[in-house]
N, C-alpha and C. Protein backbone atom coordinates (compact mmCIF):
# COMPACT_ATOMS: atom_id res chain seq x y z
N MET A 1 96.54 178.26 72.55
CA MET A 1 97.14 178.24 71.78
C MET A 1 97.43 178.86 70.10
N SER A 2 98.63 179.99 70.10
CA SER A 2 98.42 180.96 68.69
C SER A 2 99.44 179.64 67.38
N VAL A 3 98.62 180.31 66.48
CA VAL A 3 99.20 179.48 65.09
C VAL A 3 100.70 179.63 65.57
N ARG A 4 101.61 180.54 65.84
CA ARG A 4 102.44 181.30 65.82
C ARG A 4 103.53 180.60 66.94
N HIS A 5 102.98 179.66 67.50
CA HIS A 5 103.41 178.90 68.80
C HIS A 5 103.85 177.73 68.32
N ILE A 6 102.52 177.17 67.18
CA ILE A 6 102.08 176.54 67.14
C ILE A 6 103.75 175.55 65.51
N LEU A 7 103.72 176.83 64.88
CA LEU A 7 104.91 177.32 64.51
C LEU A 7 106.16 176.66 64.68
N LEU A 8 106.07 177.59 65.44
CA LEU A 8 107.66 177.61 66.33
C LEU A 8 107.81 176.18 66.88
N ARG A 9 106.97 175.45 67.49
CA ARG A 9 107.12 174.19 67.66
C ARG A 9 107.31 172.96 66.74
N THR A 10 107.16 173.19 65.42
CA THR A 10 107.60 172.80 64.27
C THR A 10 108.77 172.74 64.31
N THR A 11 109.49 172.09 64.41
CA THR A 11 111.22 171.90 64.71
C THR A 11 111.83 170.86 64.15
N PRO A 12 112.62 170.58 63.24
CA PRO A 12 113.69 169.71 62.88
C PRO A 12 113.75 168.32 63.85
N ALA A 13 113.37 168.61 65.34
CA ALA A 13 113.55 168.25 66.45
C ALA A 13 112.22 167.22 66.14
N GLY A 14 111.22 168.41 66.58
CA GLY A 14 109.81 167.62 66.75
C GLY A 14 110.09 166.71 65.52
N LYS A 15 110.04 166.69 64.79
CA LYS A 15 109.42 165.90 63.02
C LYS A 15 110.21 164.74 63.16
N LYS A 16 111.49 164.80 64.20
CA LYS A 16 112.09 163.30 64.25
C LYS A 16 110.88 162.10 65.32
N LYS A 17 110.32 162.99 66.37
CA LYS A 17 109.42 162.11 66.48
C LYS A 17 108.50 161.77 64.76
N LYS A 18 108.43 159.71 65.97
CA LYS A 18 107.38 159.01 64.92
C LYS A 18 105.34 159.75 65.10
N LYS A 19 105.11 159.77 66.69
CA LYS A 19 104.00 161.15 66.18
C LYS A 19 104.29 162.35 66.96
N SER A 20 104.13 162.96 66.25
CA SER A 20 104.39 164.49 66.11
C SER A 20 103.23 165.21 66.79
N PRO A 21 103.17 166.08 67.37
CA PRO A 21 101.66 166.60 68.67
C PRO A 21 100.92 167.74 67.23
N ASN A 22 102.34 167.66 66.47
CA ASN A 22 101.86 169.13 65.56
C ASN A 22 100.63 168.09 64.67
N PHE A 23 101.29 167.32 64.23
CA PHE A 23 100.81 166.39 63.09
C PHE A 23 99.49 165.70 63.61
N HIS A 24 98.94 165.61 64.89
CA HIS A 24 97.82 164.73 65.63
C HIS A 24 97.00 166.20 65.25
N PHE A 25 97.62 167.67 65.88
CA PHE A 25 97.03 168.72 65.40
C PHE A 25 96.14 168.75 63.84
N LEU A 26 96.83 168.91 63.03
CA LEU A 26 96.52 168.54 61.81
C LEU A 26 95.61 167.47 61.38
N ALA A 27 95.67 166.76 61.93
CA ALA A 27 94.74 165.83 61.76
C ALA A 27 93.61 165.21 62.47
N ASN A 28 93.68 166.80 63.99
CA ASN A 28 92.59 166.39 64.42
C ASN A 28 92.55 167.72 65.45
N PRO A 29 91.99 168.85 64.70
CA PRO A 29 92.19 170.05 65.67
C PRO A 29 91.38 170.44 67.37
N LYS A 30 89.76 169.20 66.81
CA LYS A 30 89.47 169.59 68.05
C LYS A 30 89.58 168.31 69.21
N GLY A 31 89.98 167.78 68.47
CA GLY A 31 90.75 166.28 69.31
C GLY A 31 91.72 166.01 70.93
N HIS A 32 92.89 167.47 69.69
CA HIS A 32 93.80 167.84 70.26
C HIS A 32 93.50 169.01 71.00
N LEU A 33 92.48 169.76 71.05
CA LEU A 33 92.49 171.02 71.93
C LEU A 33 92.25 170.38 73.31
N LYS A 34 91.19 169.50 73.34
CA LYS A 34 90.76 168.69 74.26
C LYS A 34 91.95 167.85 74.79
N ALA A 35 92.90 167.27 73.84
CA ALA A 35 93.92 166.97 74.66
C ALA A 35 94.36 167.65 75.66
N LEU A 36 94.79 169.24 75.13
CA LEU A 36 95.26 170.06 75.29
C LEU A 36 94.98 170.17 77.41
N LYS A 37 93.74 170.37 76.97
CA LYS A 37 93.03 170.71 78.01
C LYS A 37 92.93 169.30 79.24
N LYS A 38 93.02 168.82 78.58
CA LYS A 38 93.25 167.42 79.58
C LYS A 38 94.09 167.87 80.42
N GLN A 39 95.64 167.76 79.01
CA GLN A 39 96.74 167.70 80.08
C GLN A 39 96.58 169.01 80.81
N ALA A 40 96.04 170.40 80.49
CA ALA A 40 96.26 171.91 81.59
C ALA A 40 95.67 170.95 82.85
N ALA A 41 94.36 170.32 82.91
CA ALA A 41 93.71 170.06 84.22
C ALA A 41 95.06 169.33 84.83
N GLU A 42 95.09 168.24 84.66
CA GLU A 42 96.27 167.16 85.35
C GLU A 42 96.89 167.93 85.83
N ARG A 43 97.50 168.98 85.01
CA ARG A 43 99.02 169.44 85.64
C ARG A 43 98.51 170.73 86.65
N ALA A 44 97.53 171.41 86.46
CA ALA A 44 97.31 171.94 87.68
C ALA A 44 96.46 171.09 89.00
N ARG A 45 96.25 170.17 88.61
CA ARG A 45 95.38 169.03 89.65
C ARG A 45 96.34 168.84 90.65
N PRO A 46 97.52 168.75 91.16
CA PRO A 46 98.67 168.09 92.29
C PRO A 46 98.48 166.42 92.20
N SER A 47 99.72 166.16 91.36
CA SER A 47 99.74 164.43 91.73
C SER A 47 99.75 164.00 92.98
N ALA A 48 98.86 162.62 93.57
CA ALA A 48 99.17 161.83 94.07
C ALA A 48 100.69 161.51 94.65
């Protein structure tokens, strides 16, 4: 994910959420990347 993509996701609508994905990324970049990989793996796997 590029910095530009992250900036595009930082919208007023996104800021209304209590826990913003962008805030989590800023607080813990490595943990955020791990979470993204986990999400991608779960999406790639067909849900039972």
